[in-house]
Amino acid sequence: MKIHETLESIYSPLEEKRKELMQLLAKQYPAITWGWYSGHYHRTAEGWARESYPIPVITVKGLCDIELSFREMTVTAKLPTEELDHYAYDLLQTYPFEAFGTEEFLKDYARRGDSIHTLKKNLLGTKETSVTFSFPLSYNEPADLLFSLLSLLESEGFSL
């Protein structure tokens, strides 16, 4: 198989998923854009691994990015550190999440499956002005779950 055929077979499903999500999102969030971005990281047993290849990323203006990787989609948004002191963390227990530094983005505050207690403990003394939260969702999840997550992020003051 030639390289362009291989790349087409790999990227076509991501492109179709991006089109599908854009159509769904446009009904409720008209200010959306998208692009192909490389340089993302994913966690391995050894730590972080950088991905050189591009993936589609949908931006809901002012709210979040939705990254479409080969494994899952991830909704990413920030919360100002000052908000974290009095934040109602219980709301986050509805969705799996990771939290990491915004300026120091390889600094983990919470890994998938960590407790709210672990997150709070790891945030003590941070110098970050905001913390980035990443919410992984399976491509098999119903669209309602994505919309309820976006609604929660909006109501809780998350942003890009």
N, C-alpha and C. Protein backbone atom coordinates (compact mmCIF):
# COMPACT_ATOMS: atom_id res chain seq x y z
N MET A 1 0.85 -1.18 0.00
CA MET A 1 0.00 0.00 0.00
C MET A 1 0.89 1.24 0.00
N LYS A 2 0.57 2.20 -0.80
CA LYS A 2 1.34 3.44 -0.86
C LYS A 2 1.05 4.29 0.37
N ILE A 3 1.99 5.15 0.69
CA ILE A 3 1.87 5.95 1.91
C ILE A 3 0.63 6.82 1.91
N HIS A 4 0.27 7.41 0.79
CA HIS A 4 -0.93 8.26 0.77
C HIS A 4 -2.20 7.45 1.02
N GLU A 5 -2.24 6.21 0.55
CA GLU A 5 -3.40 5.35 0.79
C GLU A 5 -3.48 4.96 2.27
N THR A 6 -2.32 4.72 2.86
CA THR A 6 -2.27 4.40 4.29
C THR A 6 -2.74 5.59 5.11
N LEU A 7 -2.23 6.76 4.79
CA LEU A 7 -2.63 7.97 5.52
C LEU A 7 -4.13 8.24 5.36
N GLU A 8 -4.63 8.04 4.15
CA GLU A 8 -6.06 8.25 3.90
C GLU A 8 -6.90 7.30 4.75
N SER A 9 -6.49 6.05 4.83
CA SER A 9 -7.25 5.08 5.62
C SER A 9 -7.20 5.39 7.12
N ILE A 10 -6.14 6.03 7.55
CA ILE A 10 -5.99 6.39 8.97
C ILE A 10 -6.78 7.66 9.29
N TYR A 11 -6.67 8.67 8.41
CA TYR A 11 -7.26 9.97 8.72
C TYR A 11 -8.72 10.15 8.31
N SER A 12 -9.21 9.36 7.37
CA SER A 12 -10.61 9.50 6.95
C SER A 12 -11.60 9.35 8.10
N PRO A 13 -11.45 8.35 8.97
CA PRO A 13 -12.39 8.24 10.09
C PRO A 13 -12.37 9.46 11.02
N LEU A 14 -11.19 10.04 11.24
CA LEU A 14 -11.12 11.25 12.07
C LEU A 14 -11.82 12.42 11.40
N GLU A 15 -11.63 12.55 10.10
CA GLU A 15 -12.28 13.62 9.35
C GLU A 15 -13.80 13.47 9.39
N GLU A 16 -14.29 12.26 9.24
CA GLU A 16 -15.73 12.02 9.30
C GLU A 16 -16.28 12.33 10.69
N LYS A 17 -15.56 11.94 11.73
CA LYS A 17 -15.99 12.23 13.10
C LYS A 17 -16.00 13.74 13.34
N ARG A 18 -15.00 14.45 12.82
CA ARG A 18 -14.95 15.90 12.97
C ARG A 18 -16.15 16.55 12.30
N LYS A 19 -16.48 16.13 11.09
CA LYS A 19 -17.63 16.69 10.37
C LYS A 19 -18.92 16.45 11.16
N GLU A 20 -19.07 15.23 11.63
CA GLU A 20 -20.26 14.86 12.41
C GLU A 20 -20.39 15.73 13.67
N LEU A 21 -19.30 15.88 14.40
CA LEU A 21 -19.34 16.70 15.62
C LEU A 21 -19.58 18.17 15.32
N MET A 22 -18.98 18.66 14.26
CA MET A 22 -19.19 20.07 13.90
C MET A 22 -20.66 20.34 13.60
N GLN A 23 -21.32 19.42 12.90
CA GLN A 23 -22.75 19.59 12.60
C GLN A 23 -23.57 19.59 13.88
N LEU A 24 -23.27 18.68 14.79
CA LEU A 24 -23.99 18.62 16.07
C LEU A 24 -23.76 19.89 16.89
N LEU A 25 -22.50 20.27 17.01
CA LEU A 25 -22.14 21.42 17.85
C LEU A 25 -22.68 22.74 17.30
N ALA A 26 -22.70 22.88 15.98
CA ALA A 26 -23.11 24.15 15.36
C ALA A 26 -24.53 24.55 15.73
N LYS A 27 -25.37 23.58 16.05
CA LYS A 27 -26.75 23.88 16.42
C LYS A 27 -26.82 24.66 17.74
N GLN A 28 -25.91 24.36 18.66
CA GLN A 28 -25.94 25.00 19.97
C GLN A 28 -24.79 25.99 20.18
N TYR A 29 -23.69 25.79 19.47
CA TYR A 29 -22.51 26.63 19.62
C TYR A 29 -22.07 27.12 18.24
N PRO A 30 -22.66 28.23 17.77
CA PRO A 30 -22.34 28.68 16.41
C PRO A 30 -20.90 29.18 16.24
N ALA A 31 -20.23 29.55 17.33
CA ALA A 31 -18.86 30.07 17.24
C ALA A 31 -17.85 28.93 17.42
N ILE A 32 -17.78 28.06 16.41
CA ILE A 32 -16.82 26.96 16.46
C ILE A 32 -15.89 27.06 15.26
N THR A 33 -14.66 26.68 15.49
CA THR A 33 -13.67 26.61 14.43
C THR A 33 -12.93 25.28 14.58
N TRP A 34 -12.06 24.99 13.65
CA TRP A 34 -11.29 23.75 13.77
C TRP A 34 -10.00 23.88 12.98
N GLY A 35 -9.07 22.99 13.28
CA GLY A 35 -7.81 22.91 12.55
C GLY A 35 -7.10 21.61 12.87
N TRP A 36 -6.05 21.35 12.12
CA TRP A 36 -5.21 20.18 12.37
C TRP A 36 -4.04 20.64 13.22
N TYR A 37 -3.80 19.99 14.35
CA TYR A 37 -2.72 20.39 15.26
C TYR A 37 -1.88 19.18 15.66
N SER A 38 -0.58 19.38 15.68
CA SER A 38 0.34 18.35 16.15
C SER A 38 0.96 18.81 17.46
N GLY A 39 1.75 17.95 18.06
CA GLY A 39 2.43 18.32 19.29
C GLY A 39 1.65 17.99 20.54
N HIS A 40 0.62 17.17 20.43
CA HIS A 40 -0.12 16.75 21.62
C HIS A 40 0.69 15.70 22.37
N TYR A 41 0.32 15.49 23.60
CA TYR A 41 0.99 14.49 24.43
C TYR A 41 -0.04 13.47 24.91
N HIS A 42 0.42 12.26 25.12
CA HIS A 42 -0.42 11.25 25.77
C HIS A 42 0.45 10.51 26.78
N ARG A 43 -0.21 9.97 27.78
CA ARG A 43 0.50 9.30 28.86
C ARG A 43 0.82 7.86 28.48
N THR A 44 2.03 7.44 28.80
CA THR A 44 2.44 6.05 28.62
C THR A 44 2.90 5.54 29.99
N ALA A 45 3.25 4.28 30.05
CA ALA A 45 3.75 3.71 31.31
C ALA A 45 5.03 4.41 31.76
N GLU A 46 5.80 4.94 30.82
CA GLU A 46 7.07 5.60 31.15
C GLU A 46 6.91 7.10 31.44
N GLY A 47 5.76 7.67 31.15
CA GLY A 47 5.55 9.13 31.33
C GLY A 47 4.79 9.69 30.14
N TRP A 48 5.18 10.87 29.71
CA TRP A 48 4.51 11.54 28.60
C TRP A 48 5.21 11.24 27.28
N ALA A 49 4.43 11.05 26.22
CA ALA A 49 4.96 10.85 24.87
C ALA A 49 4.36 11.92 23.96
N ARG A 50 5.21 12.59 23.20
CA ARG A 50 4.76 13.63 22.27
C ARG A 50 4.31 12.98 20.96
N GLU A 51 3.21 13.49 20.42
CA GLU A 51 2.69 13.01 19.14
C GLU A 51 3.03 14.04 18.06
N SER A 52 3.81 13.64 17.09
CA SER A 52 4.23 14.56 16.03
C SER A 52 3.18 14.74 14.95
N TYR A 53 2.28 13.79 14.82
CA TYR A 53 1.29 13.82 13.74
C TYR A 53 0.11 14.73 14.13
N PRO A 54 -0.54 15.34 13.14
CA PRO A 54 -1.67 16.22 13.44
C PRO A 54 -2.97 15.45 13.70
N ILE A 55 -3.79 16.04 14.54
CA ILE A 55 -5.15 15.54 14.79
C ILE A 55 -6.10 16.73 14.66
N PRO A 56 -7.37 16.48 14.33
CA PRO A 56 -8.32 17.59 14.28
C PRO A 56 -8.70 18.04 15.68
N VAL A 57 -8.78 19.36 15.82
CA VAL A 57 -9.19 19.97 17.09
C VAL A 57 -10.29 20.97 16.78
N ILE A 58 -11.43 20.79 17.44
CA ILE A 58 -12.56 21.71 17.31
C ILE A 58 -12.50 22.66 18.49
N THR A 59 -12.58 23.96 18.23
CA THR A 59 -12.57 24.96 19.28
C THR A 59 -13.97 25.55 19.42
N VAL A 60 -14.54 25.43 20.62
CA VAL A 60 -15.78 26.12 20.95
C VAL A 60 -15.33 27.43 21.57
N LYS A 61 -15.49 28.51 20.81
CA LYS A 61 -14.90 29.80 21.16
C LYS A 61 -15.17 30.19 22.61
N GLY A 62 -14.08 30.47 23.31
CA GLY A 62 -14.16 30.93 24.69
C GLY A 62 -14.41 29.85 25.72
N LEU A 63 -14.70 28.63 25.28
CA LEU A 63 -15.06 27.58 26.23
C LEU A 63 -14.06 26.44 26.30
N CYS A 64 -13.80 25.76 25.18
CA CYS A 64 -12.98 24.55 25.24
C CYS A 64 -12.46 24.15 23.87
N ASP A 65 -11.54 23.22 23.90
CA ASP A 65 -11.10 22.52 22.69
C ASP A 65 -11.59 21.09 22.79
N ILE A 66 -11.94 20.52 21.65
CA ILE A 66 -12.31 19.11 21.57
C ILE A 66 -11.31 18.46 20.63
N GLU A 67 -10.42 17.67 21.22
CA GLU A 67 -9.35 17.03 20.46
C GLU A 67 -9.79 15.64 20.03
N LEU A 68 -9.62 15.33 18.77
CA LEU A 68 -10.04 14.04 18.23
C LEU A 68 -8.80 13.20 17.94
N SER A 69 -8.44 12.37 18.88
CA SER A 69 -7.27 11.51 18.68
C SER A 69 -7.72 10.18 18.09
N PHE A 70 -6.78 9.30 17.86
CA PHE A 70 -7.12 7.99 17.32
C PHE A 70 -7.75 7.10 18.38
N ARG A 71 -7.57 7.44 19.67
CA ARG A 71 -8.09 6.62 20.76
C ARG A 71 -9.44 7.08 21.30
N GLU A 72 -9.62 8.40 21.39
CA GLU A 72 -10.81 8.97 22.02
C GLU A 72 -10.88 10.45 21.71
N MET A 73 -11.97 11.08 22.10
CA MET A 73 -12.02 12.53 22.02
C MET A 73 -11.81 13.06 23.43
N THR A 74 -11.22 14.25 23.51
CA THR A 74 -10.91 14.84 24.80
C THR A 74 -11.37 16.29 24.80
N VAL A 75 -12.15 16.66 25.80
CA VAL A 75 -12.61 18.04 25.96
C VAL A 75 -11.66 18.69 26.96
N THR A 76 -11.05 19.81 26.57
CA THR A 76 -10.04 20.46 27.39
C THR A 76 -10.43 21.91 27.63
N ALA A 77 -10.41 22.32 28.90
CA ALA A 77 -10.73 23.70 29.28
C ALA A 77 -9.96 24.05 30.55
N LYS A 78 -9.89 25.34 30.84
CA LYS A 78 -9.12 25.82 32.00
C LYS A 78 -10.06 26.42 33.04
N LEU A 79 -9.58 26.39 34.27
CA LEU A 79 -10.27 27.06 35.37
C LEU A 79 -9.22 27.88 36.10
N PRO A 80 -9.49 29.18 36.35
CA PRO A 80 -8.51 30.00 37.08
C PRO A 80 -8.21 29.40 38.46
N THR A 81 -6.96 29.45 38.84
CA THR A 81 -6.53 28.87 40.12
C THR A 81 -7.29 29.49 41.29
N GLU A 82 -7.55 30.78 41.22
CA GLU A 82 -8.27 31.44 42.33
C GLU A 82 -9.67 30.86 42.53
N GLU A 83 -10.27 30.34 41.46
CA GLU A 83 -11.59 29.71 41.56
C GLU A 83 -11.53 28.36 42.26
N LEU A 84 -10.37 27.72 42.21
CA LEU A 84 -10.23 26.37 42.75
C LEU A 84 -10.36 26.32 44.27
N ASP A 85 -10.09 27.43 44.94
CA ASP A 85 -10.19 27.45 46.41
C ASP A 85 -11.62 27.20 46.89
N HIS A 86 -12.59 27.69 46.14
CA HIS A 86 -13.99 27.54 46.56
C HIS A 86 -14.83 26.81 45.52
N TYR A 87 -14.16 26.01 44.71
CA TYR A 87 -14.86 25.28 43.66
C TYR A 87 -15.59 24.07 44.22
N ALA A 88 -16.77 23.78 43.68
CA ALA A 88 -17.57 22.62 44.09
C ALA A 88 -17.10 21.40 43.31
N TYR A 89 -16.05 20.78 43.78
CA TYR A 89 -15.42 19.65 43.08
C TYR A 89 -16.37 18.48 42.86
N ASP A 90 -17.43 18.40 43.62
CA ASP A 90 -18.37 17.28 43.46
C ASP A 90 -18.89 17.19 42.03
N LEU A 91 -19.02 18.34 41.38
CA LEU A 91 -19.52 18.34 40.01
C LEU A 91 -18.59 17.60 39.06
N LEU A 92 -17.30 17.62 39.37
CA LEU A 92 -16.33 16.95 38.51
C LEU A 92 -16.39 15.43 38.63
N GLN A 93 -17.00 14.93 39.66
CA GLN A 93 -17.03 13.48 39.85
C GLN A 93 -17.97 12.79 38.87
N THR A 94 -18.74 13.54 38.13
CA THR A 94 -19.64 12.98 37.13
C THR A 94 -18.87 12.48 35.92
N TYR A 95 -17.73 13.10 35.62
CA TYR A 95 -16.96 12.79 34.42
C TYR A 95 -15.53 12.42 34.80
N PRO A 96 -14.94 11.45 34.12
CA PRO A 96 -13.52 11.20 34.35
C PRO A 96 -12.73 12.42 33.87
N PHE A 97 -11.65 12.74 34.53
CA PHE A 97 -10.85 13.90 34.12
C PHE A 97 -9.41 13.73 34.54
N GLU A 98 -8.58 14.56 33.93
CA GLU A 98 -7.20 14.76 34.33
C GLU A 98 -7.03 16.24 34.51
N ALA A 99 -6.09 16.64 35.37
CA ALA A 99 -5.80 18.06 35.56
C ALA A 99 -4.29 18.22 35.50
N PHE A 100 -3.87 19.28 34.81
CA PHE A 100 -2.43 19.52 34.67
C PHE A 100 -2.18 21.01 34.54
N GLY A 101 -0.91 21.38 34.61
CA GLY A 101 -0.54 22.79 34.56
C GLY A 101 -0.88 23.42 33.23
N THR A 102 -1.14 24.71 33.26
CA THR A 102 -1.40 25.45 32.03
C THR A 102 -0.09 25.99 31.46
N GLU A 103 0.73 26.58 32.32
CA GLU A 103 2.04 27.03 31.88
C GLU A 103 3.01 25.85 31.84
N GLU A 104 2.99 25.03 32.86
CA GLU A 104 3.84 23.85 32.95
C GLU A 104 2.95 22.63 32.66
N PHE A 105 2.67 22.43 31.36
CA PHE A 105 1.61 21.49 30.98
C PHE A 105 1.93 20.01 31.21
N LEU A 106 3.15 19.66 31.54
CA LEU A 106 3.44 18.26 31.87
C LEU A 106 3.41 18.02 33.37
N LYS A 107 2.98 19.02 34.14
CA LYS A 107 2.85 18.90 35.59
C LYS A 107 1.46 18.34 35.89
N ASP A 108 1.42 17.13 36.42
CA ASP A 108 0.15 16.47 36.75
C ASP A 108 -0.38 16.96 38.09
N TYR A 109 -1.67 17.30 38.12
CA TYR A 109 -2.37 17.56 39.37
C TYR A 109 -3.35 16.44 39.68
N ALA A 110 -3.86 15.81 38.64
CA ALA A 110 -4.74 14.64 38.81
C ALA A 110 -4.68 13.81 37.55
N ARG A 111 -4.52 12.52 37.74
CA ARG A 111 -4.58 11.58 36.63
C ARG A 111 -5.96 10.97 36.58
N ARG A 112 -6.29 10.39 35.48
CA ARG A 112 -7.58 9.73 35.32
C ARG A 112 -7.79 8.74 36.46
N GLY A 113 -8.90 8.86 37.17
CA GLY A 113 -9.20 7.96 38.27
C GLY A 113 -8.76 8.46 39.64
N ASP A 114 -7.96 9.54 39.69
CA ASP A 114 -7.57 10.10 40.99
C ASP A 114 -8.79 10.70 41.69
N SER A 115 -8.72 10.76 42.99
CA SER A 115 -9.81 11.33 43.78
C SER A 115 -9.72 12.86 43.79
N ILE A 116 -10.82 13.48 44.17
CA ILE A 116 -10.84 14.93 44.34
C ILE A 116 -9.85 15.33 45.44
N HIS A 117 -9.73 14.50 46.45
CA HIS A 117 -8.77 14.76 47.54
C HIS A 117 -7.34 14.85 46.98
N THR A 118 -6.98 13.94 46.09
CA THR A 118 -5.65 13.95 45.47
C THR A 118 -5.45 15.23 44.67
N LEU A 119 -6.46 15.63 43.91
CA LEU A 119 -6.38 16.86 43.13
C LEU A 119 -6.14 18.05 44.04
N LYS A 120 -6.95 18.18 45.09
CA LYS A 120 -6.81 19.32 46.02
C LYS A 120 -5.42 19.33 46.66
N LYS A 121 -4.95 18.16 47.07
CA LYS A 121 -3.63 18.06 47.71
C LYS A 121 -2.53 18.49 46.74
N ASN A 122 -2.62 18.05 45.51
CA ASN A 122 -1.60 18.38 44.51
C ASN A 122 -1.63 19.84 44.09
N LEU A 123 -2.76 20.49 44.28
CA LEU A 123 -2.87 21.91 43.89
C LEU A 123 -2.32 22.86 44.96
N LEU A 124 -2.10 22.36 46.16
CA LEU A 124 -1.58 23.22 47.23
C LEU A 124 -0.26 23.84 46.80
N GLY A 125 -0.19 25.16 46.92
CA GLY A 125 1.04 25.88 46.63
C GLY A 125 1.38 26.06 45.17
N THR A 126 0.45 25.72 44.27
CA THR A 126 0.76 25.89 42.85
C THR A 126 0.94 27.37 42.51
N LYS A 127 1.81 27.62 41.58
CA LYS A 127 2.05 28.99 41.10
C LYS A 127 1.31 29.24 39.78
N GLU A 128 0.60 28.24 39.31
CA GLU A 128 -0.16 28.36 38.06
C GLU A 128 -1.29 29.39 38.25
N THR A 129 -1.57 30.16 37.22
CA THR A 129 -2.70 31.09 37.27
C THR A 129 -4.00 30.40 36.89
N SER A 130 -3.87 29.28 36.17
CA SER A 130 -5.04 28.47 35.86
C SER A 130 -4.59 27.01 35.75
N VAL A 131 -5.55 26.11 35.88
CA VAL A 131 -5.30 24.69 35.76
C VAL A 131 -6.12 24.18 34.58
N THR A 132 -5.51 23.33 33.77
CA THR A 132 -6.18 22.77 32.62
C THR A 132 -6.79 21.42 32.99
N PHE A 133 -8.05 21.26 32.63
CA PHE A 133 -8.76 20.01 32.88
C PHE A 133 -9.03 19.36 31.53
N SER A 134 -8.85 18.06 31.49
CA SER A 134 -9.06 17.30 30.27
C SER A 134 -10.04 16.17 30.59
N PHE A 135 -11.12 16.12 29.81
CA PHE A 135 -12.20 15.15 30.04
C PHE A 135 -12.25 14.19 28.85
N PRO A 136 -11.76 12.96 29.02
CA PRO A 136 -11.80 12.01 27.91
C PRO A 136 -13.20 11.42 27.72
N LEU A 137 -13.60 11.30 26.48
CA LEU A 137 -14.89 10.69 26.14
C LEU A 137 -14.68 9.69 25.02
N SER A 138 -15.35 8.57 25.12
CA SER A 138 -15.29 7.57 24.07
C SER A 138 -16.09 8.07 22.86
N TYR A 139 -15.67 7.67 21.68
CA TYR A 139 -16.44 8.00 20.48
C TYR A 139 -17.81 7.33 20.50
N ASN A 140 -17.97 6.32 21.33
CA ASN A 140 -19.25 5.61 21.42
C ASN A 140 -20.24 6.26 22.37
N GLU A 141 -19.80 7.27 23.11
CA GLU A 141 -20.70 7.96 24.06
C GLU A 141 -21.79 8.69 23.27
N PRO A 142 -22.99 8.78 23.82
CA PRO A 142 -24.04 9.54 23.14
C PRO A 142 -23.71 11.03 23.14
N ALA A 143 -24.20 11.72 22.13
CA ALA A 143 -23.95 13.16 22.00
C ALA A 143 -24.45 13.92 23.22
N ASP A 144 -25.51 13.42 23.87
CA ASP A 144 -26.04 14.09 25.06
C ASP A 144 -24.99 14.24 26.15
N LEU A 145 -24.10 13.26 26.27
CA LEU A 145 -23.06 13.33 27.28
C LEU A 145 -22.09 14.47 26.98
N LEU A 146 -21.71 14.63 25.73
CA LEU A 146 -20.85 15.74 25.34
C LEU A 146 -21.53 17.07 25.63
N PHE A 147 -22.80 17.20 25.26
CA PHE A 147 -23.51 18.46 25.49
C PHE A 147 -23.69 18.75 26.98
N SER A 148 -23.93 17.74 27.78
CA SER A 148 -24.07 18.00 29.23
C SER A 148 -22.73 18.39 29.82
N LEU A 149 -21.63 17.82 29.34
CA LEU A 149 -20.31 18.24 29.80
C LEU A 149 -20.03 19.69 29.42
N LEU A 150 -20.31 20.05 28.18
CA LEU A 150 -20.09 21.43 27.74
C LEU A 150 -20.94 22.41 28.54
N SER A 151 -22.16 22.03 28.81
CA SER A 151 -23.05 22.87 29.62
C SER A 151 -22.50 23.05 31.04
N LEU A 152 -22.00 21.97 31.62
CA LEU A 152 -21.39 22.04 32.95
C LEU A 152 -20.17 22.96 32.93
N LEU A 153 -19.31 22.82 31.95
CA LEU A 153 -18.13 23.66 31.87
C LEU A 153 -18.51 25.13 31.76
N GLU A 154 -19.52 25.41 30.95
CA GLU A 154 -20.00 26.79 30.78
C GLU A 154 -20.52 27.34 32.11
N SER A 155 -21.36 26.59 32.79
CA SER A 155 -21.97 27.07 34.03
C SER A 155 -20.97 27.18 35.16
N GLU A 156 -19.88 26.43 35.10
CA GLU A 156 -18.89 26.43 36.17
C GLU A 156 -17.73 27.40 35.91
N GLY A 157 -17.77 28.16 34.83
CA GLY A 157 -16.76 29.17 34.60
C GLY A 157 -15.47 28.69 33.95
N PHE A 158 -15.52 27.51 33.32
CA PHE A 158 -14.35 27.05 32.58
C PHE A 158 -14.23 27.87 31.30
N SER A 159 -13.03 27.95 30.76
CA SER A 159 -12.81 28.68 29.52
C SER A 159 -11.53 28.19 28.85
N LEU A 160 -11.24 28.78 27.72
CA LEU A 160 -9.98 28.44 27.02
C LEU A 160 -8.84 29.24 27.58
